[in-house]
Amino acid sequence: VQLQASGGGLVQAGGSLRLSCEPSGRTFRSHAMGWFRQAPGKEREFVASMRWNGPATFYADFAKDRFAISRDINKNLLYLQMNDLKPEDTAVYYCAVSGTYFQGSRYDNDWQYDYWGQGTLVTVSS
């Protein structure tokens, strides 16, 4: 399984970005898909998750009013729409996929994921 994340960049505070993640190497049905981030000098933290075939979504408290996780099954893409970005959102963002089917939790721990993308850098200037 390979995950290719893209869409990061430099944006001013208050702006928006949409991250994309293209998983390949197997067919995904009810697997958990997640986004995590790691800011400089900090531990990796959960951002959002969902089951590939929907519909439930889960968010970290900082993300639930500004970010939206979604997927396009036809295009085989996972997205993270980020609005009203703040300087504290600056981080490398990673997409991840579980190796087993979604089993009813929030999937907000990185140990619940088996496959990780290379990360895409988001920098928010003040």
N, C-alpha and C. Protein backbone atom coordinates (compact mmCIF):
# COMPACT_ATOMS: atom_id res chain seq x y z
N VAL A 1 0.84 -1.19 0.00
CA VAL A 1 0.00 0.00 0.00
C VAL A 1 0.88 1.24 0.00
N GLN A 2 0.54 2.16 -0.86
CA GLN A 2 1.25 3.44 -0.90
C GLN A 2 0.25 4.57 -0.79
N LEU A 3 0.65 5.63 -0.11
CA LEU A 3 -0.19 6.80 0.05
C LEU A 3 0.58 8.01 -0.42
N GLN A 4 -0.03 8.76 -1.31
CA GLN A 4 0.61 9.95 -1.86
C GLN A 4 -0.20 11.16 -1.44
N ALA A 5 0.37 11.96 -0.54
CA ALA A 5 -0.30 13.17 -0.07
C ALA A 5 0.20 14.38 -0.84
N SER A 6 -0.70 15.33 -1.06
CA SER A 6 -0.34 16.54 -1.77
C SER A 6 -1.27 17.68 -1.34
N GLY A 7 -0.95 18.88 -1.79
CA GLY A 7 -1.82 20.02 -1.54
C GLY A 7 -1.32 21.00 -0.50
N GLY A 8 -0.24 20.67 0.17
CA GLY A 8 0.30 21.60 1.15
C GLY A 8 0.91 22.82 0.49
N GLY A 9 1.26 23.79 1.31
CA GLY A 9 1.86 25.00 0.78
C GLY A 9 1.85 26.11 1.81
N LEU A 10 2.15 27.31 1.34
CA LEU A 10 2.17 28.50 2.19
C LEU A 10 0.88 29.27 2.00
N VAL A 11 0.23 29.60 3.08
CA VAL A 11 -1.03 30.34 3.02
C VAL A 11 -1.07 31.34 4.17
N GLN A 12 -1.76 32.43 3.96
CA GLN A 12 -1.90 33.43 5.02
C GLN A 12 -2.98 32.99 6.00
N ALA A 13 -2.85 33.48 7.21
CA ALA A 13 -3.87 33.19 8.22
C ALA A 13 -5.24 33.59 7.70
N GLY A 14 -6.22 32.73 7.94
CA GLY A 14 -7.57 32.95 7.45
C GLY A 14 -7.84 32.29 6.11
N GLY A 15 -6.79 31.84 5.46
CA GLY A 15 -6.94 31.20 4.16
C GLY A 15 -7.34 29.74 4.25
N SER A 16 -7.41 29.11 3.09
CA SER A 16 -7.85 27.72 3.00
C SER A 16 -6.88 26.90 2.15
N LEU A 17 -6.84 25.62 2.44
CA LEU A 17 -6.11 24.66 1.62
C LEU A 17 -6.91 23.37 1.60
N ARG A 18 -6.76 22.62 0.52
CA ARG A 18 -7.33 21.28 0.47
C ARG A 18 -6.21 20.29 0.21
N LEU A 19 -6.02 19.40 1.16
CA LEU A 19 -5.04 18.33 1.01
C LEU A 19 -5.69 17.13 0.35
N SER A 20 -4.90 16.42 -0.43
CA SER A 20 -5.38 15.20 -1.09
C SER A 20 -4.45 14.05 -0.74
N CYS A 21 -5.01 12.87 -0.74
CA CYS A 21 -4.22 11.67 -0.47
C CYS A 21 -4.74 10.58 -1.38
N GLU A 22 -3.83 10.00 -2.15
CA GLU A 22 -4.22 8.94 -3.07
C GLU A 22 -3.65 7.62 -2.58
N PRO A 23 -4.50 6.74 -2.06
CA PRO A 23 -4.02 5.43 -1.65
C PRO A 23 -4.00 4.47 -2.84
N SER A 24 -3.04 3.59 -2.86
CA SER A 24 -2.95 2.61 -3.94
C SER A 24 -2.37 1.31 -3.40
N GLY A 25 -2.53 0.26 -4.14
CA GLY A 25 -1.93 -1.00 -3.77
C GLY A 25 -2.90 -2.04 -3.27
N ARG A 26 -4.12 -1.61 -2.97
CA ARG A 26 -5.15 -2.56 -2.57
C ARG A 26 -6.50 -1.89 -2.71
N THR A 27 -7.56 -2.66 -2.61
CA THR A 27 -8.90 -2.12 -2.65
C THR A 27 -9.35 -1.78 -1.24
N PHE A 28 -9.86 -0.58 -1.07
CA PHE A 28 -10.31 -0.13 0.23
C PHE A 28 -11.83 -0.16 0.29
N ARG A 29 -12.35 -0.72 1.33
CA ARG A 29 -13.79 -0.78 1.53
C ARG A 29 -14.15 -0.12 2.84
N SER A 30 -14.02 -0.82 3.91
CA SER A 30 -14.39 -0.27 5.22
C SER A 30 -13.17 0.07 6.07
N HIS A 31 -12.06 0.32 5.43
CA HIS A 31 -10.86 0.68 6.18
C HIS A 31 -10.97 2.08 6.76
N ALA A 32 -10.30 2.32 7.85
CA ALA A 32 -10.25 3.66 8.43
C ALA A 32 -9.21 4.49 7.69
N MET A 33 -9.56 5.75 7.42
CA MET A 33 -8.67 6.70 6.77
C MET A 33 -8.52 7.89 7.70
N GLY A 34 -7.31 8.35 7.88
CA GLY A 34 -7.11 9.43 8.81
C GLY A 34 -6.10 10.46 8.35
N TRP A 35 -6.18 11.61 8.96
CA TRP A 35 -5.19 12.66 8.80
C TRP A 35 -4.59 12.98 10.17
N PHE A 36 -3.29 13.08 10.21
CA PHE A 36 -2.56 13.48 11.39
C PHE A 36 -1.64 14.63 11.01
N ARG A 37 -1.10 15.31 12.00
CA ARG A 37 -0.14 16.36 11.70
C ARG A 37 0.94 16.38 12.77
N GLN A 38 2.08 16.91 12.39
CA GLN A 38 3.20 17.04 13.32
C GLN A 38 3.84 18.40 13.12
N ALA A 39 3.73 19.23 14.13
CA ALA A 39 4.34 20.55 14.11
C ALA A 39 5.79 20.44 14.58
N PRO A 40 6.62 21.39 14.22
CA PRO A 40 8.03 21.36 14.64
C PRO A 40 8.16 21.26 16.16
N GLY A 41 8.93 20.28 16.61
CA GLY A 41 9.17 20.12 18.03
C GLY A 41 8.04 19.50 18.82
N LYS A 42 7.00 19.06 18.12
CA LYS A 42 5.85 18.47 18.81
C LYS A 42 5.60 17.06 18.32
N GLU A 43 4.80 16.34 19.09
CA GLU A 43 4.43 14.99 18.71
C GLU A 43 3.34 15.03 17.63
N ARG A 44 3.26 13.94 16.89
CA ARG A 44 2.23 13.82 15.88
C ARG A 44 0.86 13.77 16.58
N GLU A 45 -0.12 14.47 16.01
CA GLU A 45 -1.45 14.49 16.62
C GLU A 45 -2.53 14.21 15.60
N PHE A 46 -3.62 13.70 16.10
CA PHE A 46 -4.79 13.36 15.28
C PHE A 46 -5.48 14.62 14.79
N VAL A 47 -5.94 14.57 13.54
CA VAL A 47 -6.71 15.68 12.98
C VAL A 47 -8.15 15.23 12.67
N ALA A 48 -8.29 14.17 11.86
CA ALA A 48 -9.62 13.73 11.46
C ALA A 48 -9.55 12.31 10.94
N SER A 49 -10.68 11.61 10.96
CA SER A 49 -10.74 10.25 10.44
C SER A 49 -12.13 9.95 9.92
N MET A 50 -12.18 8.91 9.10
CA MET A 50 -13.47 8.42 8.60
C MET A 50 -13.28 7.01 8.09
N ARG A 51 -14.40 6.34 7.85
CA ARG A 51 -14.35 5.05 7.20
C ARG A 51 -14.41 5.28 5.70
N TRP A 52 -13.65 4.53 4.95
CA TRP A 52 -13.57 4.76 3.52
C TRP A 52 -14.95 4.76 2.86
N ASN A 53 -15.81 3.84 3.27
CA ASN A 53 -17.14 3.81 2.65
C ASN A 53 -18.16 4.60 3.47
N GLY A 54 -17.71 5.48 4.33
CA GLY A 54 -18.55 6.45 5.02
C GLY A 54 -19.51 5.84 6.01
N PRO A 55 -20.43 6.65 6.57
CA PRO A 55 -20.44 8.10 6.47
C PRO A 55 -19.84 8.83 7.68
N ALA A 56 -19.60 8.11 8.78
CA ALA A 56 -19.21 8.80 10.00
C ALA A 56 -17.84 9.46 9.85
N THR A 57 -17.68 10.63 10.43
CA THR A 57 -16.41 11.33 10.48
C THR A 57 -16.11 11.73 11.91
N PHE A 58 -14.83 11.85 12.23
CA PHE A 58 -14.40 12.20 13.57
C PHE A 58 -13.32 13.27 13.47
N TYR A 59 -13.32 14.19 14.43
CA TYR A 59 -12.38 15.31 14.39
C TYR A 59 -11.77 15.57 15.75
N ALA A 60 -10.55 16.07 15.71
CA ALA A 60 -9.96 16.65 16.91
C ALA A 60 -10.72 17.93 17.22
N ASP A 61 -10.69 18.33 18.47
CA ASP A 61 -11.44 19.53 18.87
C ASP A 61 -11.03 20.75 18.05
N PHE A 62 -9.75 20.89 17.76
CA PHE A 62 -9.30 22.08 17.04
C PHE A 62 -9.76 22.07 15.59
N ALA A 63 -10.15 20.91 15.09
CA ALA A 63 -10.47 20.78 13.67
C ALA A 63 -11.96 20.78 13.36
N LYS A 64 -12.79 20.48 14.32
CA LYS A 64 -14.18 20.17 14.00
C LYS A 64 -14.98 21.33 13.43
N ASP A 65 -14.60 22.55 13.66
CA ASP A 65 -15.34 23.68 13.12
C ASP A 65 -14.69 24.28 11.88
N ARG A 66 -13.46 23.82 11.54
CA ARG A 66 -12.73 24.45 10.44
C ARG A 66 -12.30 23.46 9.36
N PHE A 67 -12.15 22.20 9.72
CA PHE A 67 -11.64 21.20 8.77
C PHE A 67 -12.76 20.22 8.40
N ALA A 68 -12.62 19.63 7.23
CA ALA A 68 -13.58 18.61 6.81
C ALA A 68 -12.85 17.49 6.07
N ILE A 69 -13.06 16.27 6.53
CA ILE A 69 -12.50 15.10 5.87
C ILE A 69 -13.55 14.52 4.95
N SER A 70 -13.13 14.09 3.78
CA SER A 70 -14.05 13.48 2.83
C SER A 70 -13.27 12.60 1.88
N ARG A 71 -14.00 11.85 1.06
CA ARG A 71 -13.33 11.03 0.07
C ARG A 71 -14.18 10.95 -1.19
N ASP A 72 -13.50 10.73 -2.29
CA ASP A 72 -14.17 10.52 -3.57
C ASP A 72 -13.83 9.09 -3.98
N ILE A 73 -14.81 8.21 -3.83
CA ILE A 73 -14.56 6.79 -4.14
C ILE A 73 -14.22 6.60 -5.61
N ASN A 74 -14.88 7.34 -6.48
CA ASN A 74 -14.65 7.18 -7.92
C ASN A 74 -13.23 7.58 -8.30
N LYS A 75 -12.71 8.63 -7.66
CA LYS A 75 -11.35 9.10 -7.94
C LYS A 75 -10.32 8.45 -7.03
N ASN A 76 -10.81 7.70 -6.05
CA ASN A 76 -9.92 7.05 -5.08
C ASN A 76 -9.03 8.07 -4.37
N LEU A 77 -9.64 9.12 -3.89
CA LEU A 77 -8.92 10.18 -3.21
C LEU A 77 -9.53 10.49 -1.86
N LEU A 78 -8.69 10.74 -0.89
CA LEU A 78 -9.07 11.21 0.43
C LEU A 78 -8.71 12.69 0.51
N TYR A 79 -9.58 13.50 1.10
CA TYR A 79 -9.35 14.93 1.18
C TYR A 79 -9.37 15.42 2.62
N LEU A 80 -8.70 16.54 2.83
CA LEU A 80 -8.85 17.30 4.06
C LEU A 80 -8.97 18.77 3.66
N GLN A 81 -10.18 19.28 3.75
CA GLN A 81 -10.42 20.69 3.48
C GLN A 81 -10.17 21.47 4.75
N MET A 82 -9.29 22.45 4.68
CA MET A 82 -8.92 23.23 5.85
C MET A 82 -9.25 24.70 5.60
N ASN A 83 -10.11 25.24 6.43
CA ASN A 83 -10.53 26.63 6.31
C ASN A 83 -10.11 27.43 7.53
N ASP A 84 -10.09 28.75 7.37
CA ASP A 84 -9.74 29.65 8.47
C ASP A 84 -8.44 29.20 9.15
N LEU A 85 -7.44 28.97 8.35
CA LEU A 85 -6.18 28.46 8.88
C LEU A 85 -5.51 29.46 9.80
N LYS A 86 -4.84 28.94 10.80
CA LYS A 86 -4.16 29.74 11.80
C LYS A 86 -2.67 29.38 11.81
N PRO A 87 -1.82 30.29 12.28
CA PRO A 87 -0.39 29.94 12.32
C PRO A 87 -0.11 28.65 13.09
N GLU A 88 -0.91 28.35 14.10
CA GLU A 88 -0.69 27.13 14.87
C GLU A 88 -1.07 25.87 14.10
N ASP A 89 -1.66 26.01 12.92
CA ASP A 89 -1.93 24.86 12.06
C ASP A 89 -0.71 24.47 11.24
N THR A 90 0.35 25.26 11.32
CA THR A 90 1.58 24.94 10.59
C THR A 90 2.12 23.59 11.05
N ALA A 91 2.31 22.68 10.11
CA ALA A 91 2.74 21.32 10.43
C ALA A 91 2.92 20.53 9.14
N VAL A 92 3.52 19.38 9.27
CA VAL A 92 3.49 18.39 8.20
C VAL A 92 2.25 17.53 8.42
N TYR A 93 1.45 17.42 7.40
CA TYR A 93 0.20 16.66 7.48
C TYR A 93 0.37 15.31 6.80
N TYR A 94 -0.06 14.27 7.50
CA TYR A 94 0.07 12.91 7.01
C TYR A 94 -1.29 12.26 6.85
N CYS A 95 -1.45 11.50 5.76
CA CYS A 95 -2.63 10.66 5.65
C CYS A 95 -2.23 9.23 6.02
N ALA A 96 -3.20 8.49 6.49
CA ALA A 96 -2.93 7.14 6.96
C ALA A 96 -4.14 6.25 6.72
N VAL A 97 -3.87 4.95 6.61
CA VAL A 97 -4.91 3.96 6.36
C VAL A 97 -4.71 2.79 7.32
N SER A 98 -5.80 2.28 7.85
CA SER A 98 -5.70 1.10 8.70
C SER A 98 -5.53 -0.15 7.85
N GLY A 99 -4.94 -1.17 8.43
CA GLY A 99 -4.75 -2.41 7.71
C GLY A 99 -5.95 -3.34 7.79
N THR A 100 -6.87 -3.00 8.68
CA THR A 100 -8.07 -3.81 8.85
C THR A 100 -9.30 -2.93 8.73
N TYR A 101 -10.44 -3.58 8.69
CA TYR A 101 -11.66 -2.82 8.55
C TYR A 101 -11.95 -1.98 9.80
N PHE A 102 -12.57 -0.85 9.56
CA PHE A 102 -13.01 0.05 10.61
C PHE A 102 -13.83 -0.71 11.64
N GLN A 103 -13.48 -0.53 12.92
CA GLN A 103 -14.13 -1.32 13.95
C GLN A 103 -14.85 -0.47 14.98
N GLY A 104 -15.30 0.69 14.58
CA GLY A 104 -16.24 1.43 15.42
C GLY A 104 -15.65 2.39 16.40
N SER A 105 -14.37 2.66 16.37
CA SER A 105 -13.82 3.67 17.26
C SER A 105 -13.53 4.94 16.46
N ARG A 106 -13.00 5.95 17.11
CA ARG A 106 -12.68 7.21 16.42
C ARG A 106 -11.44 7.10 15.55
N TYR A 107 -10.65 6.08 15.78
CA TYR A 107 -9.39 5.94 15.05
C TYR A 107 -8.58 7.23 15.16
N ASP A 108 -8.39 7.67 16.38
CA ASP A 108 -7.65 8.91 16.63
C ASP A 108 -6.28 8.65 17.24
N ASN A 109 -5.82 7.40 17.13
CA ASN A 109 -4.48 7.06 17.61
C ASN A 109 -3.64 6.57 16.44
N ASP A 110 -2.39 7.02 16.40
CA ASP A 110 -1.59 6.65 15.23
C ASP A 110 -1.28 5.17 15.20
N TRP A 111 -1.31 4.48 16.34
CA TRP A 111 -1.02 3.05 16.34
C TRP A 111 -2.14 2.24 15.68
N GLN A 112 -3.28 2.85 15.44
CA GLN A 112 -4.39 2.16 14.77
C GLN A 112 -4.23 2.13 13.25
N TYR A 113 -3.20 2.76 12.74
CA TYR A 113 -2.98 2.83 11.30
C TYR A 113 -1.74 2.05 10.92
N ASP A 114 -1.80 1.43 9.77
CA ASP A 114 -0.70 0.59 9.30
C ASP A 114 0.09 1.19 8.15
N TYR A 115 -0.53 2.09 7.43
CA TYR A 115 0.11 2.65 6.26
C TYR A 115 0.06 4.18 6.33
N TRP A 116 1.20 4.79 5.98
CA TRP A 116 1.33 6.24 6.10
C TRP A 116 1.88 6.85 4.82
N GLY A 117 1.39 8.03 4.49
CA GLY A 117 1.96 8.78 3.39
C GLY A 117 3.21 9.52 3.84
N GLN A 118 3.83 10.20 2.91
CA GLN A 118 5.10 10.85 3.19
C GLN A 118 4.94 12.21 3.85
N GLY A 119 3.73 12.74 3.87
CA GLY A 119 3.50 14.03 4.50
C GLY A 119 3.57 15.17 3.52
N THR A 120 2.78 16.18 3.79
CA THR A 120 2.81 17.40 2.99
C THR A 120 2.83 18.59 3.94
N LEU A 121 3.71 19.54 3.69
CA LEU A 121 3.94 20.65 4.61
C LEU A 121 2.93 21.76 4.39
N VAL A 122 2.30 22.17 5.47
CA VAL A 122 1.40 23.32 5.47
C VAL A 122 2.02 24.40 6.35
N THR A 123 2.20 25.58 5.78
CA THR A 123 2.76 26.70 6.52
C THR A 123 1.77 27.85 6.48
N VAL A 124 1.37 28.31 7.65
CA VAL A 124 0.40 29.40 7.74
C VAL A 124 1.11 30.62 8.31
N SER A 125 1.14 31.68 7.55
CA SER A 125 1.81 32.90 7.99
C SER A 125 0.80 33.84 8.65
N SER A 126 1.30 34.60 9.60
CA SER A 126 0.42 35.52 10.34
C SER A 126 0.32 36.88 9.66
